[in-house]
Amino acid sequence: MNKAEFYANARTDLIGPLAGVVVVEATTTWAGPMAGCVLADFGASVIKVEHPDGEVMRRVPPFVPGTNLSVMHEVVNRNKRNLCLSLKGAEGRAVFLKLCATADIVIENFKPGTLDAWGVGYTDVSAVKPDIVYVSISGFGQFGPYCDRPGYDPIAQNFTGWSSLNGEPDGGPTKAPTFLGDDLGGLHAALGALGALYHRNRTGEGQHVDIALVDGLIFQSNGQLTIGALGLASQRWGNQFAIAAPVNVYVCTDGRVYTGVLLDSHWRTFCEHIGRPDLARITAPERVERRAELDALLAAWCVTRATGDVVETMTRLGLAVTRVNTFVEAAQDPHVRARDMLQNTALAGGAQAPLTGPAAKFSRTPTRVRSAAPALGEHSDSILTELGFSSTQIADLRAKHII
């Protein structure tokens, strides 16, 4: 299928499947903003409420060349509006609650109890909007023995056991190079919000949705917690797999490829291609037992060939394979471009940057990066005007440094 066929029945009157849904996002750094990013990409109207000093991600390098705009901030806060507002005083709290009264979903990712202490927690918001879907994201969740602990992404990776299985077999525990716990927490928060919103739309009942980074990582760890509960040991495999062989990163004449064999039929095809019919009938369990021997065989076949040759040959044989790319190389790949995973976007100040595009593709309600991350307080006046504040009231809030 080509792209035109996929989008043949696309609507042009909607910005995504969540058009009309209103989200208030009081978040910082990554997990909370990621949840808001997913919903904004899907077409929801997301208002990011940000402290007047600006949140942490605005100051995190790397920056878009020639600007002071953080790349990560730009990526995770696109498609949103921005209200600059201090929540720590009575007047700021009143503004926030008035805003929440117009919303379908509220997302926050502060330490449990923080927003309650400010008078804008779930109980406070549900008092003004009884059917609100209020999503809280934290390291360890809203309840449990460790709920009061601060919890960031690498804490979650190490607490859950995830990092204990990451890295080379002869190395030590290694965290992911990306904010994996935050990313999964953000995705589960968006999914939880949509589940609660569906329930709200059927019953009229709002609710509090509790997302813990540690829960998200455990849930997405392929049953490792159950394996651990059964007293079964797991080991670190690096680039290999416990259930299949040979599978690994292999050196070629101009780089590296990641490839391997899972199915017996694929192994027979590969053996016939390399002229080793004597090995073709080795079954998957036997290949695992003879891992070192067969891994060396595939390594020897790759080492004399260019990556392009290996990719072309293995693909023709029906085997999974890829060149091992850097992100710089992936950004230039025609498939990445064809999938719209980079979208040139005009940023604040006039600069341009290729922002990471939405992952989910909707044939009927296509999504895209519609707007760059807003400047701090860029939409404060318009949002407050929509809430019924007069220009005099807005000027007073600004004079008091509440907005």
Protein backbone atom coordinates (compact mmCIF):
# COMPACT_ATOMS: atom_id res chain seq x y z
CA MET A 1 0.00 0.00 0.00
CA ASN A 2 1.26 3.50 -0.73
CA LYS A 3 0.62 6.56 1.39
CA ALA A 4 -2.04 8.00 -0.92
CA GLU A 5 -4.06 4.78 -0.71
CA PHE A 6 -3.86 4.73 3.10
CA TYR A 7 -5.16 8.31 3.37
CA ALA A 8 -7.63 8.06 0.47
CA ASN A 9 -10.66 8.74 2.74
CA ALA A 10 -9.00 11.22 5.09
CA ARG A 11 -11.07 14.10 6.44
CA THR A 12 -9.71 17.62 6.22
CA ASP A 13 -12.12 19.25 8.66
CA LEU A 14 -10.64 17.68 11.82
CA ILE A 15 -7.16 17.92 13.33
CA GLY A 16 -7.31 14.38 14.73
CA PRO A 17 -9.57 11.81 16.38
CA LEU A 18 -9.64 13.75 19.68
CA ALA A 19 -10.75 17.05 18.16
CA GLY A 20 -13.00 18.80 20.69
CA VAL A 21 -11.45 17.18 23.78
CA VAL A 22 -9.98 19.75 26.20
CA VAL A 23 -6.92 18.85 28.30
CA VAL A 24 -5.29 20.91 31.04
CA GLU A 25 -1.68 19.86 31.59
CA ALA A 26 0.14 20.96 34.76
CA THR A 27 3.40 19.12 34.23
CA THR A 28 7.16 19.33 34.06
CA THR A 29 10.08 17.55 32.42
CA TRP A 30 8.97 14.44 30.43
CA ALA A 31 6.36 11.87 31.57
CA GLY A 32 3.56 14.42 32.03
CA PRO A 33 4.45 16.44 28.92
CA MET A 34 4.64 13.18 26.93
CA ALA A 35 1.09 12.27 27.97
CA GLY A 36 -0.07 15.72 26.88
CA CYS A 37 1.94 15.43 23.66
CA VAL A 38 0.20 12.20 22.66
CA LEU A 39 -3.25 13.68 23.31
CA ALA A 40 -2.34 16.93 21.54
CA ASP A 41 -1.04 15.02 18.52
CA PHE A 42 -4.35 13.14 18.45
CA GLY A 43 -6.14 16.47 18.08
CA ALA A 44 -7.08 17.38 21.67
CA SER A 45 -6.87 21.03 22.71
CA VAL A 46 -4.06 20.84 25.29
CA ILE A 47 -3.35 23.83 27.52
CA LYS A 48 0.00 23.53 29.28
CA VAL A 49 0.00 25.42 32.58
CA GLU A 50 3.58 26.47 33.30
CA HIS A 51 5.19 28.31 36.19
CA PRO A 52 6.30 31.88 35.39
CA ASP A 53 9.95 30.84 35.72
CA GLY A 54 9.50 28.24 32.98
CA GLU A 55 9.89 24.51 33.43
CA VAL A 56 13.11 22.47 33.50
CA MET A 57 13.01 21.18 29.92
CA ARG A 58 13.29 24.68 28.48
CA ARG A 59 16.86 24.80 29.78
CA VAL A 60 18.04 21.29 28.84
CA PRO A 61 20.52 20.94 25.95
CA PRO A 62 20.96 20.25 23.11
CA PHE A 63 19.48 23.38 21.60
CA VAL A 64 18.23 24.00 18.06
CA PRO A 65 21.27 25.51 16.29
CA GLY A 66 21.26 29.30 16.36
CA THR A 67 18.58 29.48 19.08
CA ASN A 68 18.12 28.99 22.83
CA LEU A 69 15.29 26.51 22.20
CA SER A 70 15.74 23.08 23.76
CA VAL A 71 15.23 20.32 21.19
CA MET A 72 13.56 18.01 23.71
CA HIS A 73 11.25 20.77 24.94
CA GLU A 74 10.24 21.58 21.37
CA VAL A 75 9.54 17.94 20.56
CA VAL A 76 7.38 17.12 23.60
CA ASN A 77 5.44 20.39 23.86
CA ARG A 78 4.37 20.92 20.24
CA ASN A 79 0.68 21.20 19.35
CA LYS A 80 -0.12 22.79 22.74
CA ARG A 81 -1.15 26.22 24.02
CA ASN A 82 0.65 27.78 26.98
CA LEU A 83 -0.76 29.53 30.06
CA CYS A 84 1.91 30.97 32.34
CA LEU A 85 0.44 30.68 35.85
CA SER A 86 1.65 30.31 39.43
CA LEU A 87 -0.48 27.76 41.32
CA LYS A 88 0.89 28.52 44.77
CA GLY A 89 -1.47 31.36 45.75
CA ALA A 90 -5.22 31.80 46.11
CA GLU A 91 -5.63 33.85 42.94
CA GLY A 92 -3.61 31.47 40.79
CA ARG A 93 -5.52 28.54 42.26
CA ALA A 94 -8.82 30.20 41.40
CA VAL A 95 -7.70 30.70 37.79
CA PHE A 96 -6.60 27.08 37.53
CA LEU A 97 -9.87 25.72 38.91
CA LYS A 98 -11.86 27.93 36.56
CA LEU A 99 -9.81 26.53 33.67
CA CYS A 100 -10.29 22.93 34.86
CA ALA A 101 -14.05 23.47 34.98
CA THR A 102 -13.93 23.76 31.17
CA ALA A 103 -11.77 20.65 30.66
CA ASP A 104 -12.35 16.96 30.03
CA ILE A 105 -8.94 15.80 31.28
CA VAL A 106 -6.35 17.18 33.71
CA ILE A 107 -2.80 15.77 33.73
CA GLU A 108 -0.24 16.41 36.47
CA ASN A 109 3.08 14.76 37.34
CA PHE A 110 4.18 16.31 40.62
CA LYS A 111 5.14 14.36 43.74
CA PRO A 112 1.96 12.93 45.34
CA GLY A 113 0.31 15.45 47.64
CA THR A 114 1.90 18.51 46.02
CA LEU A 115 -1.16 19.70 44.10
CA ASP A 116 -3.42 18.78 47.03
CA ALA A 117 -1.33 21.11 49.21
CA TRP A 118 -1.82 23.87 46.62
CA GLY A 119 -5.58 23.31 46.61
CA VAL A 120 -5.72 21.99 43.03
CA GLY A 121 -5.62 18.22 43.59
CA TYR A 122 -8.26 15.75 42.41
CA THR A 123 -10.66 16.53 45.26
CA ASP A 124 -10.46 20.26 44.56
CA VAL A 125 -10.85 19.92 40.79
CA SER A 126 -13.67 17.37 41.01
CA ALA A 127 -15.55 19.79 43.25
CA VAL A 128 -15.79 22.25 40.34
CA LYS A 129 -15.95 19.59 37.59
CA PRO A 130 -17.44 16.35 39.01
CA ASP A 131 -16.94 14.36 35.80
CA ILE A 132 -13.28 15.35 35.35
CA VAL A 133 -10.72 12.73 34.34
CA TYR A 134 -7.77 13.63 36.55
CA VAL A 135 -4.52 11.84 35.68
CA SER A 136 -1.64 11.82 38.18
CA ILE A 137 1.81 10.55 37.13
CA SER A 138 4.54 9.93 39.71
CA GLY A 139 7.49 7.68 40.36
CA PHE A 140 5.83 5.22 42.75
CA GLY A 141 2.12 6.09 42.50
CA GLN A 142 -0.46 7.74 44.75
CA PHE A 143 -0.46 4.91 47.32
CA GLY A 144 1.86 2.19 48.58
CA PRO A 145 4.80 2.21 51.05
CA TYR A 146 7.01 4.29 48.73
CA CYS A 147 4.43 6.76 47.38
CA ASP A 148 6.07 9.67 49.20
CA ARG A 149 9.46 9.05 47.61
CA PRO A 150 10.63 11.24 44.76
CA GLY A 151 10.89 9.05 41.67
CA TYR A 152 12.52 9.90 38.37
CA ASP A 153 13.08 7.80 35.24
CA PRO A 154 16.45 6.19 36.17
CA ILE A 155 15.15 5.46 39.69
CA ALA A 156 12.25 3.54 38.12
CA GLN A 157 14.55 1.66 35.75
CA ASN A 158 16.75 0.50 38.61
CA PHE A 159 14.00 -0.13 41.17
CA THR A 160 11.99 -2.39 38.86
CA GLY A 161 14.89 -4.63 37.83
CA TRP A 162 14.83 -3.36 34.25
CA SER A 163 18.40 -2.04 34.30
CA SER A 164 19.67 -5.32 35.79
CA LEU A 165 18.96 -7.04 32.46
CA ASN A 166 20.22 -4.27 30.20
CA GLY A 167 23.75 -4.20 28.81
CA GLU A 168 26.39 -6.74 27.87
CA PRO A 169 26.44 -10.14 29.63
CA ASP A 170 29.77 -9.41 31.32
CA GLY A 171 28.81 -5.84 32.29
CA GLY A 172 26.78 -4.32 35.09
CA PRO A 173 23.26 -2.91 35.29
CA THR A 174 22.74 -0.22 32.64
CA LYS A 175 19.94 2.31 32.31
CA ALA A 176 18.31 2.97 28.95
CA PRO A 177 19.82 5.83 26.90
CA THR A 178 16.37 7.41 26.62
CA PHE A 179 13.77 8.33 29.26
CA LEU A 180 12.15 4.92 28.91
CA GLY A 181 10.25 4.95 32.21
CA ASP A 182 8.96 8.46 31.52
CA ASP A 183 7.97 7.58 27.97
CA LEU A 184 6.05 4.49 29.04
CA GLY A 185 4.51 6.39 31.95
CA GLY A 186 3.36 9.09 29.54
CA LEU A 187 1.89 6.55 27.13
CA HIS A 188 0.04 4.72 29.92
CA ALA A 189 -1.22 8.07 31.21
CA ALA A 190 -2.62 8.96 27.78
CA LEU A 191 -4.14 5.50 27.44
CA GLY A 192 -5.57 5.67 30.97
CA ALA A 193 -7.03 9.10 30.24
CA LEU A 194 -8.75 7.80 27.11
CA GLY A 195 -10.13 4.76 28.97
CA ALA A 196 -11.52 6.97 31.74
CA LEU A 197 -12.88 9.44 29.18
CA TYR A 198 -14.74 6.63 27.39
CA HIS A 199 -16.26 5.60 30.74
CA ARG A 200 -17.14 9.24 31.52
CA ASN A 201 -18.86 9.61 28.17
CA ARG A 202 -20.96 6.48 28.80
CA THR A 203 -21.83 7.03 32.48
CA GLY A 204 -21.12 10.66 33.34
CA GLU A 205 -18.64 9.52 35.99
CA GLY A 206 -15.23 11.15 36.31
CA GLN A 207 -12.35 9.55 38.19
CA HIS A 208 -8.75 9.79 39.36
CA VAL A 209 -6.24 7.86 37.21
CA ASP A 210 -3.01 6.88 39.01
CA ILE A 211 0.08 6.19 36.88
CA ALA A 212 3.41 5.14 38.42
CA LEU A 213 6.61 5.04 36.38
CA VAL A 214 7.58 1.81 38.10
CA ASP A 215 4.24 0.19 37.17
CA GLY A 216 4.60 1.16 33.52
CA LEU A 217 8.09 -0.31 33.28
CA ILE A 218 7.07 -3.50 35.08
CA PHE A 219 4.02 -3.93 32.84
CA GLN A 220 6.16 -3.55 29.70
CA SER A 221 8.92 -5.94 30.83
CA ASN A 222 7.67 -9.08 29.06
CA GLY A 223 6.55 -10.89 32.18
CA GLN A 224 9.83 -10.46 34.03
CA LEU A 225 8.10 -9.64 37.34
CA THR A 226 6.14 -12.89 37.15
CA ILE A 227 9.34 -14.74 36.26
CA GLY A 228 10.95 -13.19 39.34
CA ALA A 229 7.96 -14.02 41.55
CA LEU A 230 8.30 -17.65 40.51
CA GLY A 231 11.92 -17.63 41.61
CA LEU A 232 13.19 -18.10 38.08
CA ALA A 233 16.45 -16.37 37.19
CA SER A 234 16.81 -14.08 34.20
CA GLN A 235 20.17 -13.20 32.68
CA ARG A 236 21.59 -10.34 30.70
CA TRP A 237 21.88 -11.18 26.99
CA GLY A 238 23.20 -8.00 25.42
CA ASN A 239 22.35 -8.20 21.70
CA GLN A 240 21.50 -11.90 21.79
CA PHE A 241 18.23 -13.62 22.70
CA ALA A 242 17.60 -16.40 25.18
CA ILE A 243 15.07 -18.11 22.91
CA ALA A 244 16.78 -17.84 19.53
CA ALA A 245 20.18 -18.27 17.88
CA PRO A 246 22.05 -17.05 16.02
CA VAL A 247 20.93 -13.45 16.67
CA ASN A 248 23.40 -10.61 17.24
CA VAL A 249 25.10 -7.48 15.95
CA TYR A 250 27.58 -8.48 13.25
CA VAL A 251 30.51 -6.55 11.82
CA CYS A 252 30.52 -5.89 8.07
CA THR A 253 33.08 -4.18 5.85
CA ASP A 254 31.41 -0.76 6.20
CA GLY A 255 29.50 -0.91 9.48
CA ARG A 256 27.32 -3.32 11.44
CA VAL A 257 24.04 -5.14 10.94
CA TYR A 258 21.58 -6.64 13.39
CA THR A 259 20.13 -9.89 12.13
CA GLY A 260 19.42 -13.45 13.10
CA VAL A 261 17.14 -16.43 12.76
CA LEU A 262 14.07 -17.38 14.77
CA LEU A 263 12.09 -19.84 12.66
CA ASP A 264 13.37 -23.25 11.54
CA SER A 265 12.17 -22.55 7.99
CA HIS A 266 14.28 -19.38 7.88
CA TRP A 267 17.30 -21.27 9.18
CA ARG A 268 16.94 -23.86 6.41
CA THR A 269 16.70 -21.11 3.80
CA PHE A 270 19.82 -19.41 5.13
CA CYS A 271 21.84 -22.64 5.30
CA GLU A 272 20.92 -23.49 1.70
CA HIS A 273 22.00 -20.01 0.62
CA ILE A 274 25.45 -20.24 2.24
CA GLY A 275 26.03 -23.79 1.07
CA ARG A 276 25.70 -25.53 4.45
CA PRO A 277 22.89 -28.05 3.94
CA ASP A 278 24.48 -30.18 6.66
CA LEU A 279 23.24 -27.63 9.23
CA ALA A 280 19.80 -27.01 7.73
CA ARG A 281 17.89 -29.50 9.92
CA ILE A 282 19.09 -28.12 13.25
CA THR A 283 15.97 -27.11 15.20
CA ALA A 284 15.51 -23.96 17.26
CA PRO A 285 16.31 -25.62 20.64
CA GLU A 286 19.43 -27.19 19.14
CA ARG A 287 20.52 -23.85 17.71
CA VAL A 288 20.23 -22.33 21.18
CA GLU A 289 22.43 -25.14 22.53
CA ARG A 290 24.99 -24.52 19.75
CA ARG A 291 24.73 -20.74 20.06
CA ALA A 292 28.47 -19.92 20.05
CA GLU A 293 29.18 -22.10 17.00
CA LEU A 294 26.32 -20.76 14.89
CA ASP A 295 26.85 -17.17 16.00
CA ALA A 296 30.44 -17.45 14.78
CA LEU A 297 29.18 -18.90 11.47
CA LEU A 298 26.87 -15.95 10.81
CA ALA A 299 29.57 -13.50 11.95
CA ALA A 300 32.05 -15.01 9.47
CA TRP A 301 29.50 -14.71 6.65
CA CYS A 302 28.83 -11.03 7.42
CA VAL A 303 32.39 -9.85 7.99
CA THR A 304 33.37 -10.07 4.30
CA ARG A 305 30.28 -8.26 3.06
CA ALA A 306 29.02 -4.68 3.01
CA THR A 307 26.00 -3.82 5.13
CA GLY A 308 23.91 -3.08 2.04
CA ASP A 309 24.69 -6.52 0.61
CA VAL A 310 23.78 -8.27 3.86
CA VAL A 311 20.51 -6.30 4.19
CA GLU A 312 19.55 -6.99 0.56
CA THR A 313 20.37 -10.70 0.77
CA MET A 314 18.70 -11.39 4.11
CA THR A 315 15.61 -9.42 3.08
CA ARG A 316 15.38 -11.39 -0.17
CA LEU A 317 15.60 -14.62 1.83
CA GLY A 318 12.76 -13.43 4.08
CA LEU A 319 14.93 -12.90 7.18
CA ALA A 320 14.74 -9.84 9.44
CA VAL A 321 17.75 -7.55 9.20
CA THR A 322 18.81 -3.91 9.51
CA ARG A 323 21.92 -1.86 9.33
CA VAL A 324 22.82 -0.61 12.82
CA ASN A 325 22.18 3.11 12.49
CA THR A 326 22.96 6.11 14.58
CA PHE A 327 20.11 8.58 15.05
CA VAL A 328 21.91 10.84 12.56
CA GLU A 329 21.73 8.03 9.99
CA ALA A 330 18.15 7.11 10.86
CA ALA A 331 17.13 10.74 10.34
CA GLN A 332 18.33 10.50 6.73
CA ASP A 333 16.65 7.18 5.97
CA PRO A 334 13.97 7.40 3.24
CA HIS A 335 11.60 5.12 5.17
CA VAL A 336 11.70 7.40 8.23
CA ARG A 337 10.99 10.35 5.94
CA ALA A 338 8.19 8.54 4.11
CA ARG A 339 6.50 7.76 7.45
CA ASP A 340 6.48 11.51 8.30
CA MET A 341 8.52 10.86 11.43
CA LEU A 342 10.30 14.16 10.79
CA GLN A 343 8.17 17.22 10.07
CA ASN A 344 9.71 20.61 9.36
CA THR A 345 8.16 23.07 11.78
CA ALA A 346 8.47 26.84 12.24
CA LEU A 347 9.62 27.50 15.80
CA ALA A 348 9.26 30.59 18.00
CA GLY A 349 11.53 33.29 16.63
CA GLY A 350 11.34 32.04 13.05
CA ALA A 351 13.82 29.16 13.17
CA GLN A 352 12.93 25.85 11.52
CA ALA A 353 13.50 22.36 12.90
CA PRO A 354 12.50 18.84 11.82
CA LEU A 355 10.39 17.78 14.83
CA THR A 356 9.63 14.12 15.50
CA GLY A 357 6.21 13.33 14.08
CA PRO A 358 3.32 11.38 15.67
CA ALA A 359 3.73 7.60 15.73
CA ALA A 360 0.10 6.51 15.25
CA LYS A 361 -1.29 6.99 11.75
CA PHE A 362 -5.06 7.53 11.32
CA SER A 363 -6.44 6.98 7.82
CA ARG A 364 -9.65 8.94 8.45
CA THR A 365 -8.41 11.62 10.87
CA PRO A 366 -4.73 12.22 10.03
CA THR A 367 -2.49 13.88 12.60
CA ARG A 368 0.60 16.04 12.25
CA VAL A 369 2.79 18.56 14.03
CA ARG A 370 0.49 21.54 13.70
CA SER A 371 2.41 24.09 15.75
CA ALA A 372 5.69 24.45 17.59
CA ALA A 373 6.08 24.44 21.35
CA PRO A 374 4.68 27.80 22.47
CA ALA A 375 6.71 30.47 24.16
CA LEU A 376 6.23 30.80 27.91
CA GLY A 377 2.82 32.43 28.42
CA GLU A 378 2.23 32.81 24.69
CA HIS A 379 -1.50 32.13 25.03
CA SER A 380 -2.12 33.46 28.53
CA ASP A 381 -4.18 36.44 27.45
CA SER A 382 -6.30 34.56 24.93
CA ILE A 383 -6.97 31.65 27.34
CA LEU A 384 -7.94 33.98 30.18
CA THR A 385 -10.15 36.00 27.85
CA GLU A 386 -11.91 32.79 26.84
CA LEU A 387 -12.49 32.11 30.55
CA GLY A 388 -14.20 35.50 30.91
CA PHE A 389 -11.41 37.56 32.46
CA SER A 390 -11.37 41.22 31.45
CA SER A 391 -8.27 43.02 30.19
CA THR A 392 -8.12 44.85 33.51
CA GLN A 393 -8.22 41.59 35.49
CA ILE A 394 -5.55 40.10 33.24
CA ALA A 395 -3.33 43.14 33.72
CA ASP A 396 -3.80 42.86 37.50
CA LEU A 397 -2.80 39.17 37.50
CA ARG A 398 0.29 40.03 35.47
CA ALA A 399 1.23 42.90 37.79
CA LYS A 400 1.05 40.46 40.73
CA HIS A 401 3.27 37.96 38.83
CA ILE A 402 0.50 35.34 39.00
CA ILE A 403 0.66 35.06 35.20
